C-alpha atoms as a PDB file:
ATOM      1  CA  MET A   1      89.421 172.547  44.813  1.00  0.00           C
ATOM      2  CA  GLY A   2      86.608 170.397  43.312  1.00  0.00           C
ATOM      3  CA  LYS A   3      84.793 170.979  40.229  1.00  0.00           C
ATOM      4  CA  LYS A   4      81.208 170.708  39.346  1.00  0.00           C
ATOM      5  CA  ASP A   5      79.807 169.700  35.799  1.00  0.00           C
ATOM      6  CA  LYS A   6      76.914 171.419  34.066  1.00  0.00           C
ATOM      7  CA  ARG A   7      76.036 167.898  32.594  1.00  0.00           C
ATOM      8  CA  VAL A   8      75.303 166.803  36.267  1.00  0.00           C
ATOM      9  CA  ASP A   9      73.031 169.725  36.784  1.00  0.00           C
ATOM     10  CA  ALA A  10      71.211 168.870  33.336  1.00  0.00           C
ATOM     11  CA  TYR A  11      70.891 165.093  34.687  1.00  0.00           C
ATOM     12  CA  VAL A  12      69.445 165.967  37.803  1.00  0.00           C
ATOM     13  CA  ALA A  13      66.907 168.362  36.296  1.00  0.00           C
ATOM     14  CA  LYS A  14      65.713 165.686  34.023  1.00  0.00           C
ATOM     15  CA  ALA A  15      65.359 163.108  36.661  1.00  0.00           C
ATOM     16  CA  GLN A  16      62.134 161.877  37.759  1.00  0.00           C
ATOM     17  CA  PRO A  17      60.494 163.986  40.567  1.00  0.00           C
ATOM     18  CA  PHE A  18      60.939 161.381  43.374  1.00  0.00           C
ATOM     19  CA  ALA A  19      64.684 161.268  42.384  1.00  0.00           C
ATOM     20  CA  LYS A  20      65.737 164.972  42.309  1.00  0.00           C
ATOM     21  CA  PRO A  21      65.907 165.422  46.141  1.00  0.00           C
ATOM     22  CA  ILE A  22      67.957 162.097  46.404  1.00  0.00           C
ATOM     23  CA  LEU A  23      70.478 163.253  43.687  1.00  0.00           C
ATOM     24  CA  LYS A  24      70.553 166.706  44.919  1.00  0.00           C
ATOM     25  CA  HIS A  25      71.338 165.409  48.646  1.00  0.00           C
ATOM     26  CA  LEU A  26      73.986 162.882  47.603  1.00  0.00           C
ATOM     27  CA  ARG A  27      75.653 165.452  45.481  1.00  0.00           C
ATOM     28  CA  GLU A  28      75.624 167.939  48.320  1.00  0.00           C
ATOM     29  CA  LEU A  29      77.085 164.986  50.807  1.00  0.00           C
ATOM     30  CA  ILE A  30      79.859 164.037  48.374  1.00  0.00           C
ATOM     31  CA  HIS A  31      81.167 167.560  47.958  1.00  0.00           C
ATOM     32  CA  GLN A  32      80.966 168.091  51.815  1.00  0.00           C
ATOM     33  CA  GLY A  33      82.894 164.768  52.632  1.00  0.00           C
ATOM     34  CA  ASN A  34      85.433 165.368  49.668  1.00  0.00           C
ATOM     35  CA  PRO A  35      85.654 169.125  48.642  1.00  0.00           C
ATOM     36  CA  ASP A  36      88.058 168.176  46.068  1.00  0.00           C
ATOM     37  CA  VAL A  37      86.083 165.832  44.051  1.00  0.00           C
ATOM     38  CA  GLU A  38      85.461 166.534  40.429  1.00  0.00           C
ATOM     39  CA  GLU A  39      82.189 165.796  38.544  1.00  0.00           C
ATOM     40  CA  THR A  40      82.023 164.120  35.055  1.00  0.00           C
ATOM     41  CA  ILE A  41      79.598 161.983  33.414  1.00  0.00           C
ATOM     42  CA  LYS A  42      80.647 158.294  32.663  1.00  0.00           C
ATOM     43  CA  TRP A  43      78.505 155.538  31.200  1.00  0.00           C
ATOM     44  CA  GLY A  44      75.662 157.886  30.972  1.00  0.00           C
ATOM     45  CA  MET A  45      75.445 158.634  34.790  1.00  0.00           C
ATOM     46  CA  PRO A  46      77.132 161.253  36.855  1.00  0.00           C
ATOM     47  CA  SER A  47      80.427 160.094  38.326  1.00  0.00           C
ATOM     48  CA  PHE A  48      82.735 161.621  40.784  1.00  0.00           C
ATOM     49  CA  ASP A  49      86.572 161.337  40.548  1.00  0.00           C
ATOM     50  CA  TYR A  50      89.150 162.032  43.014  1.00  0.00           C
ATOM     51  CA  LYS A  51      92.626 160.766  42.096  1.00  0.00           C
ATOM     52  CA  GLY A  52      90.701 158.193  40.114  1.00  0.00           C
ATOM     53  CA  PRO A  53      87.205 156.983  39.944  1.00  0.00           C
ATOM     54  CA  PHE A  54      85.559 157.655  43.373  1.00  0.00           C
ATOM     55  CA  CYS A  55      81.722 157.157  43.333  1.00  0.00           C
ATOM     56  CA  SER A  56      78.711 157.548  41.094  1.00  0.00           C
ATOM     57  CA  PHE A  57      74.995 157.971  41.264  1.00  0.00           C
ATOM     58  CA  ALA A  58      72.163 157.461  38.956  1.00  0.00           C
ATOM     59  CA  SER A  59      68.235 157.409  38.851  1.00  0.00           C
ATOM     60  CA  PHE A  60      65.797 155.371  36.694  1.00  0.00           C
ATOM     61  CA  LYS A  61      62.064 155.314  36.585  1.00  0.00           C
ATOM     62  CA  GLN A  62      61.459 154.401  39.963  1.00  0.00           C
ATOM     63  CA  HIS A  63      64.466 154.146  42.108  1.00  0.00           C
ATOM     64  CA  ALA A  64      67.954 155.629  42.208  1.00  0.00           C
ATOM     65  CA  VAL A  65      71.406 154.165  43.054  1.00  0.00           C
ATOM     66  CA  PHE A  66      74.520 155.362  44.657  1.00  0.00           C
ATOM     67  CA  GLY A  67      77.845 153.376  44.697  1.00  0.00           C
ATOM     68  CA  PHE A  68      81.540 153.571  45.525  1.00  0.00           C
ATOM     69  CA  TRP A  69      84.293 152.398  43.067  1.00  0.00           C
ATOM     70  CA  LYS A  70      86.192 150.833  46.260  1.00  0.00           C
ATOM     71  CA  HIS A  71      83.165 149.805  48.390  1.00  0.00           C
ATOM     72  CA  SER A  72      84.626 146.237  49.344  1.00  0.00           C
ATOM     73  CA  LEU A  73      87.263 148.166  51.178  1.00  0.00           C
ATOM     74  CA  ILE A  74      85.260 150.711  52.935  1.00  0.00           C
ATOM     75  CA  LYS A  75      84.556 149.721  56.672  1.00  0.00           C
ATOM     76  CA  ASP A  76      80.782 149.476  57.255  1.00  0.00           C
ATOM     77  CA  PRO A  77      79.982 148.259  60.714  1.00  0.00           C
ATOM     78  CA  LYS A  78      76.515 148.582  60.336  1.00  0.00           C
ATOM     79  CA  GLY A  79      76.181 146.779  56.838  1.00  0.00           C
ATOM     80  CA  TYR A  80      74.624 149.712  54.952  1.00  0.00           C
ATOM     81  CA  LEU A  81      76.671 148.991  51.916  1.00  0.00           C
ATOM     82  CA  GLN A  82      76.223 145.910  49.669  1.00  0.00           C
ATOM     83  CA  GLU A  83      77.829 143.816  47.249  1.00  0.00           C
ATOM     84  CA  ARG A  84      76.400 144.169  43.780  1.00  0.00           C
ATOM     85  CA  SER A  85      76.849 140.555  43.244  1.00  0.00           C
ATOM     86  CA  ASN A  86      74.535 139.713  46.148  1.00  0.00           C
ATOM     87  CA  GLN A  87      71.645 141.770  45.316  1.00  0.00           C
ATOM     88  CA  GLY A  88      70.035 139.209  42.835  1.00  0.00           C
ATOM     89  CA  GLY A  89      69.790 141.849  40.151  1.00  0.00           C
ATOM     90  CA  GLU A  90      67.583 144.103  42.466  1.00  0.00           C
ATOM     91  CA  ALA A  91      69.518 147.355  41.883  1.00  0.00           C
ATOM     92  CA  MET A  92      73.108 148.308  40.853  1.00  0.00           C
ATOM     93  CA  GLY A  93      75.106 150.309  43.487  1.00  0.00           C
ATOM     94  CA  ASN A  94      75.880 149.702  46.843  1.00  0.00           C
ATOM     95  CA  LEU A  95      72.569 150.899  48.734  1.00  0.00           C
ATOM     96  CA  GLY A  96      69.958 149.023  46.912  1.00  0.00           C
ATOM     97  CA  ARG A  97      66.875 150.586  45.524  1.00  0.00           C
ATOM     98  CA  ILE A  98      66.478 154.213  46.635  1.00  0.00           C
ATOM     99  CA  GLU A  99      62.917 155.534  46.321  1.00  0.00           C
ATOM    100  CA  SER A 100      63.239 158.412  48.821  1.00  0.00           C
ATOM    101  CA  VAL A 101      65.839 160.432  50.847  1.00  0.00           C
ATOM    102  CA  ASP A 102      64.462 158.261  53.819  1.00  0.00           C
ATOM    103  CA  ASP A 103      65.828 155.217  52.235  1.00  0.00           C
ATOM    104  CA  LEU A 104      69.227 156.664  52.443  1.00  0.00           C
ATOM    105  CA  PRO A 105      71.607 155.749  55.607  1.00  0.00           C
ATOM    106  CA  PRO A 106      72.018 158.528  57.924  1.00  0.00           C
ATOM    107  CA  ASP A 107      74.144 161.507  56.612  1.00  0.00           C
ATOM    108  CA  LYS A 108      77.079 160.891  59.127  1.00  0.00           C
ATOM    109  CA  ALA A 109      77.425 157.497  57.821  1.00  0.00           C
ATOM    110  CA  ILE A 110      77.370 158.447  54.003  1.00  0.00           C
ATOM    111  CA  ILE A 111      80.166 160.949  54.874  1.00  0.00           C
ATOM    112  CA  ASP A 112      81.928 158.740  56.820  1.00  0.00           C
ATOM    113  CA  PHE A 113      81.873 156.428  53.539  1.00  0.00           C
ATOM    114  CA  ILE A 114      83.017 159.385  51.380  1.00  0.00           C
ATOM    115  CA  LYS A 115      86.000 160.355  53.789  1.00  0.00           C
ATOM    116  CA  GLN A 116      87.119 156.517  53.898  1.00  0.00           C
ATOM    117  CA  ALA A 117      87.001 156.240  50.040  1.00  0.00           C
ATOM    118  CA  LYS A 118      89.078 159.629  49.945  1.00  0.00           C
ATOM    119  CA  LYS A 119      91.687 158.165  51.986  1.00  0.00           C
ATOM    120  CA  LEU A 120      91.872 155.076  49.846  1.00  0.00           C
ATOM    121  CA  ASN A 121      92.631 157.192  46.885  1.00  0.00           C
ATOM    122  CA  ASP A 122      94.955 159.304  48.753  1.00  0.00           C
ATOM    123  CA  GLU A 123      96.921 156.206  49.540  1.00  0.00           C
ATOM    124  CA  GLY A 124      96.597 154.717  46.066  1.00  0.00           C
ATOM    125  CA  VAL A 125      94.964 151.630  47.395  1.00  0.00           C
ATOM    126  CA  LYS A 126      93.731 149.600  44.463  1.00  0.00           C
ATOM    127  CA  PRO A 127      90.462 147.533  44.542  1.00  0.00           C
ATOM    128  CA  PRO A 128      90.804 143.884  44.998  1.00  0.00           C
ATOM    129  CA  SER A 129      90.896 142.146  41.742  1.00  0.00           C
ATOM    130  CA  ARG A 130      88.122 139.731  40.847  1.00  0.00           C
ATOM    131  CA  GLU A 131      89.338 136.090  40.424  1.00  0.00           C
ATOM    132  CA  LYS A 132      87.895 134.393  37.451  1.00  0.00           C
ATOM    133  CA  LYS A 133      85.809 131.305  38.610  1.00  0.00           C
ATOM    134  CA  PRO A 134      87.151 128.269  36.798  1.00  0.00           C
ATOM    135  CA  LYS A 135      84.542 126.792  34.595  1.00  0.00           C
ATOM    136  CA  PRO A 136      83.100 123.418  35.637  1.00  0.00           C
ATOM    137  CA  ASP A 137      84.380 120.251  34.213  1.00  0.00           C
ATOM    138  CA  LEU A 138      82.742 119.484  30.997  1.00  0.00           C
ATOM    139  CA  VAL A 139      80.396 116.698  31.157  1.00  0.00           C
ATOM    140  CA  ILE A 140      79.747 115.175  27.658  1.00  0.00           C
ATOM    141  CA  PRO A 141      76.199 113.604  27.661  1.00  0.00           C
ATOM    142  CA  GLY A 142      75.892 109.908  26.914  1.00  0.00           C
ATOM    143  CA  TYR A 143      73.671 110.483  23.892  1.00  0.00           C
ATOM    144  CA  PHE A 144      76.250 112.608  22.304  1.00  0.00           C
ATOM    145  CA  THR A 145      79.062 110.175  22.999  1.00  0.00           C
ATOM    146  CA  ALA A 146      76.902 107.552  21.587  1.00  0.00           C
ATOM    147  CA  ALA A 147      76.382 109.613  18.282  1.00  0.00           C
ATOM    148  CA  LEU A 148      80.271 110.186  18.088  1.00  0.00           C
ATOM    149  CA  LYS A 149      80.811 106.409  18.259  1.00  0.00           C
ATOM    150  CA  ARG A 150      78.781 106.075  14.998  1.00  0.00           C
ATOM    151  CA  ASN A 151      80.695 108.638  13.115  1.00  0.00           C
ATOM    152  CA  LYS A 152      84.446 107.750  13.066  1.00  0.00           C
ATOM    153  CA  ALA A 153      85.674 110.892  11.379  1.00  0.00           C
ATOM    154  CA  ALA A 154      83.922 113.309  13.628  1.00  0.00           C
ATOM    155  CA  LYS A 155      84.963 111.538  16.843  1.00  0.00           C
ATOM    156  CA  THR A 156      88.480 111.536  15.673  1.00  0.00           C
ATOM    157  CA  THR A 157      88.066 115.573  15.071  1.00  0.00           C
ATOM    158  CA  PHE A 158      86.201 115.771  18.539  1.00  0.00           C
ATOM    159  CA  ASP A 159      88.886 114.069  20.405  1.00  0.00           C
ATOM    160  CA  ALA A 160      91.512 116.089  18.938  1.00  0.00           C
ATOM    161  CA  PHE A 161      89.876 119.256  19.955  1.00  0.00           C
ATOM    162  CA  SER A 162      91.162 121.633  22.730  1.00  0.00           C
ATOM    163  CA  PRO A 163      88.796 121.651  25.741  1.00  0.00           C
ATOM    164  CA  SER A 164      87.310 124.925  24.627  1.00  0.00           C
ATOM    165  CA  CYS A 165      86.297 123.716  21.193  1.00  0.00           C
ATOM    166  CA  LYS A 166      84.747 120.755  22.718  1.00  0.00           C
ATOM    167  CA  ARG A 167      82.738 122.756  25.317  1.00  0.00           C
ATOM    168  CA  GLU A 168      81.573 124.897  22.237  1.00  0.00           C
ATOM    169  CA  TYR A 169      79.999 121.999  20.695  1.00  0.00           C
ATOM    170  CA  VAL A 170      78.604 120.564  24.036  1.00  0.00           C
ATOM    171  CA  GLU A 171      77.124 123.589  25.103  1.00  0.00           C
ATOM    172  CA  TRP A 172      75.498 124.290  21.903  1.00  0.00           C
ATOM    173  CA  ILE A 173      73.975 120.860  21.820  1.00  0.00           C
ATOM    174  CA  THR A 174      72.841 120.689  25.470  1.00  0.00           C
ATOM    175  CA  GLY A 175      71.445 124.121  24.997  1.00  0.00           C
ATOM    176  CA  ALA A 176      68.605 122.947  22.596  1.00  0.00           C
ATOM    177  CA  LYS A 177      65.231 123.453  24.414  1.00  0.00           C
ATOM    178  CA  THR A 178      63.517 120.458  22.418  1.00  0.00           C
ATOM    179  CA  GLU A 179      64.505 116.806  21.592  1.00  0.00           C
ATOM    180  CA  ALA A 180      64.131 117.615  17.782  1.00  0.00           C
ATOM    181  CA  THR A 181      66.445 120.452  17.904  1.00  0.00           C
ATOM    182  CA  ARG A 182      68.954 118.670  19.688  1.00  0.00           C
ATOM    183  CA  GLU A 183      68.902 115.849  17.300  1.00  0.00           C
ATOM    184  CA  LYS A 184      69.280 118.400  14.634  1.00  0.00           C
ATOM    185  CA  ARG A 185      72.250 119.976  16.220  1.00  0.00           C
ATOM    186  CA  ILE A 186      73.850 116.784  16.831  1.00  0.00           C
ATOM    187  CA  ASP A 187      73.590 115.901  13.090  1.00  0.00           C
ATOM    188  CA  GLN A 188      75.090 119.017  12.047  1.00  0.00           C
ATOM    189  CA  ALA A 189      77.685 118.849  14.720  1.00  0.00           C
ATOM    190  CA  LEU A 190      78.533 115.491  13.193  1.00  0.00           C
ATOM    191  CA  GLU A 191      78.804 116.901   9.677  1.00  0.00           C
ATOM    192  CA  TRP A 192      81.144 119.587  10.630  1.00  0.00           C
ATOM    193  CA  MET A 193      83.388 117.650  12.602  1.00  0.00           C
ATOM    194  CA  ALA A 194      83.621 114.925   9.980  1.00  0.00           C
ATOM    195  CA  GLU A 195      84.944 117.788   7.804  1.00  0.00           C
ATOM    196  CA  GLY A 196      87.445 118.755  10.734  1.00  0.00           C
ATOM    197  CA  LYS A 197      85.514 121.897  11.529  1.00  0.00           C
ATOM    198  CA  GLN A 198      85.008 123.905  14.663  1.00  0.00           C
ATOM    199  CA  ARG A 199      81.684 124.925  15.931  1.00  0.00           C
ATOM    200  CA  ASN A 200      82.360 128.491  14.962  1.00  0.00           C
ATOM    201  CA  TRP A 201      84.159 127.640  11.858  1.00  0.00           C
ATOM    202  CA  LYS A 202      82.355 130.355   9.850  1.00  0.00           C
ATOM    203  CA  TYR A 203      83.739 133.011  12.115  1.00  0.00           C
ATOM    204  CA  THR A 204      87.205 131.579  12.178  1.00  0.00           C
ATOM    205  CA  LYS A 205      89.933 133.558   9.887  1.00  0.00           C
ATOM    206  CA  GLN A 206      91.264 131.271   7.316  1.00  0.00           C
END
């Protein structure tokens, strides 16, 4: 059988008035769809486990959120669920900003999602791994190349650097917001590289 957690009771009790009916309703549906789910608190928010991470909800000052651990594997023909990465930072979770119970999908749809998530965990299906996007090719601006040519020792060091060490210097210089700051950083970079130093040499163990 499932297990409730008094900390979740306290979380709901402290939520904003608008959020309490949302959280109570979601909590009821979660236990209805998966009676064996166990409540806990993770990352400061109510989470529900069942043979591993399952789902979670949270509330903020003006909205609540709800999401599934394996949302990308749940069948959602009507498009209620959203990818976090596609929400433009508007809200975490998979249902966007929830400001009232009326913002939730129909109970039938939510329970279906819960049952699908339960089946995925029953079968031990793992969420797809997120592939790391390769970093774009390093582009060395002409003004930095010209500066390096004027300092042979610095250029020799820079040319011998690994791609990541080169990127650290280039991103530091190109990240300057003013031309004056950029020139100051170039001068500093040339000085350090002439001494054979990496950009973050101060933090490198000797």
